[in-house]
Amino acid sequence: MMKKLVAWGLTSLASVLTFVAASGFSVNSVWKDYEPNLPSSLKR
């Protein structure tokens, strides 16, 4: 029973990671898309 549960968990984890990798989502893309509104006095 425990082996079946562990195998199911690892398979689920691998599936989720594969989906995330295939979708192209990364932490870098989040930071690139985030542009705070800077006050005009701070802009060059």
N, C-alpha and C. Protein backbone atom coordinates (compact mmCIF):
# COMPACT_ATOMS: atom_id res chain seq x y z
N MET A 1 0.82 -1.20 0.00
CA MET A 1 0.00 0.00 0.00
C MET A 1 0.86 1.26 0.00
N MET A 2 1.90 1.28 0.82
CA MET A 2 2.75 2.46 0.91
C MET A 2 3.52 2.70 -0.39
N LYS A 3 3.99 1.61 -1.02
CA LYS A 3 4.72 1.76 -2.28
C LYS A 3 3.82 2.36 -3.35
N LYS A 4 2.55 1.94 -3.34
CA LYS A 4 1.61 2.46 -4.33
C LYS A 4 1.38 3.96 -4.12
N LEU A 5 1.28 4.36 -2.87
CA LEU A 5 1.06 5.77 -2.54
C LEU A 5 2.27 6.61 -2.93
N VAL A 6 3.46 6.13 -2.64
CA VAL A 6 4.68 6.86 -2.99
C VAL A 6 4.82 6.97 -4.50
N ALA A 7 4.54 5.89 -5.21
CA ALA A 7 4.63 5.91 -6.67
C ALA A 7 3.62 6.89 -7.25
N TRP A 8 2.42 6.93 -6.70
CA TRP A 8 1.40 7.86 -7.17
C TRP A 8 1.83 9.31 -6.92
N GLY A 9 2.40 9.56 -5.76
CA GLY A 9 2.86 10.91 -5.41
C GLY A 9 3.97 11.38 -6.33
N LEU A 10 4.93 10.50 -6.59
CA LEU A 10 6.03 10.89 -7.48
C LEU A 10 5.55 11.11 -8.91
N THR A 11 4.63 10.29 -9.35
CA THR A 11 4.08 10.47 -10.69
C THR A 11 3.32 11.79 -10.80
N SER A 12 2.57 12.11 -9.79
CA SER A 12 1.82 13.38 -9.78
C SER A 12 2.77 14.56 -9.78
N LEU A 13 3.81 14.49 -8.97
CA LEU A 13 4.78 15.57 -8.91
C LEU A 13 5.48 15.76 -10.25
N ALA A 14 5.87 14.67 -10.87
CA ALA A 14 6.52 14.75 -12.18
C ALA A 14 5.59 15.34 -13.23
N SER A 15 4.32 14.99 -13.16
CA SER A 15 3.35 15.53 -14.12
C SER A 15 3.20 17.04 -13.96
N VAL A 16 3.11 17.48 -12.72
CA VAL A 16 2.95 18.92 -12.47
C VAL A 16 4.19 19.68 -12.91
N LEU A 17 5.37 19.16 -12.59
CA LEU A 17 6.61 19.83 -13.00
C LEU A 17 6.74 19.88 -14.51
N THR A 18 6.34 18.82 -15.18
CA THR A 18 6.39 18.81 -16.64
C THR A 18 5.44 19.84 -17.23
N PHE A 19 4.26 19.95 -16.66
CA PHE A 19 3.29 20.94 -17.14
C PHE A 19 3.82 22.35 -16.94
N VAL A 20 4.40 22.63 -15.78
CA VAL A 20 4.94 23.97 -15.50
C VAL A 20 6.09 24.29 -16.44
N ALA A 21 6.97 23.32 -16.67
CA ALA A 21 8.10 23.55 -17.58
C ALA A 21 7.61 23.76 -19.01
N ALA A 22 6.60 23.02 -19.42
CA ALA A 22 6.09 23.15 -20.79
C ALA A 22 5.35 24.47 -21.00
N SER A 23 4.77 25.01 -19.93
CA SER A 23 4.03 26.26 -20.07
C SER A 23 4.97 27.46 -20.16
N GLY A 24 6.25 27.28 -19.84
CA GLY A 24 7.21 28.37 -19.96
C GLY A 24 7.18 29.33 -18.79
N PHE A 25 6.53 28.95 -17.71
CA PHE A 25 6.44 29.82 -16.54
C PHE A 25 7.74 29.73 -15.74
N SER A 26 8.29 30.87 -15.38
CA SER A 26 9.47 30.87 -14.53
C SER A 26 9.46 32.11 -13.65
N VAL A 27 10.32 32.10 -12.65
CA VAL A 27 10.39 33.25 -11.74
C VAL A 27 10.91 34.47 -12.49
N ASN A 28 11.82 34.26 -13.43
CA ASN A 28 12.37 35.38 -14.18
C ASN A 28 11.30 36.09 -15.00
N SER A 29 10.37 35.35 -15.58
CA SER A 29 9.33 35.99 -16.38
C SER A 29 8.41 36.83 -15.50
N VAL A 30 8.22 36.41 -14.24
CA VAL A 30 7.40 37.21 -13.33
C VAL A 30 8.09 38.53 -13.03
N TRP A 31 9.40 38.49 -12.78
CA TRP A 31 10.12 39.73 -12.46
C TRP A 31 10.23 40.65 -13.66
N LYS A 32 10.33 40.10 -14.86
CA LYS A 32 10.40 40.94 -16.06
C LYS A 32 9.08 41.65 -16.31
N ASP A 33 7.97 40.98 -16.01
CA ASP A 33 6.66 41.58 -16.25
C ASP A 33 6.29 42.61 -15.19
N TYR A 34 6.95 42.54 -14.05
CA TYR A 34 6.62 43.46 -12.95
C TYR A 34 7.39 44.75 -13.12
N GLU A 35 6.66 45.83 -13.37
CA GLU A 35 7.29 47.14 -13.48
C GLU A 35 6.53 48.10 -12.57
N PRO A 36 7.13 48.46 -11.46
CA PRO A 36 6.43 49.36 -10.54
C PRO A 36 6.29 50.76 -11.13
N ASN A 37 5.29 51.48 -10.69
CA ASN A 37 5.09 52.85 -11.14
C ASN A 37 6.03 53.76 -10.34
N LEU A 38 7.06 54.24 -11.01
CA LEU A 38 8.03 55.10 -10.35
C LEU A 38 7.58 56.55 -10.44
N PRO A 39 7.81 57.30 -9.39
CA PRO A 39 7.53 58.74 -9.47
C PRO A 39 8.41 59.40 -10.51
N SER A 40 7.93 60.45 -11.13
CA SER A 40 8.70 61.09 -12.21
C SER A 40 10.03 61.66 -11.70
N SER A 41 10.12 61.99 -10.41
CA SER A 41 11.36 62.55 -9.86
C SER A 41 12.47 61.50 -9.82
N LEU A 42 12.11 60.22 -9.80
CA LEU A 42 13.13 59.16 -9.75
C LEU A 42 13.55 58.71 -11.15
N LYS A 43 12.77 59.06 -12.16
CA LYS A 43 13.12 58.63 -13.52
C LYS A 43 14.25 59.50 -14.06
N ARG A 44 15.09 58.90 -14.89
CA ARG A 44 16.21 59.65 -15.46
C ARG A 44 15.80 60.29 -16.77
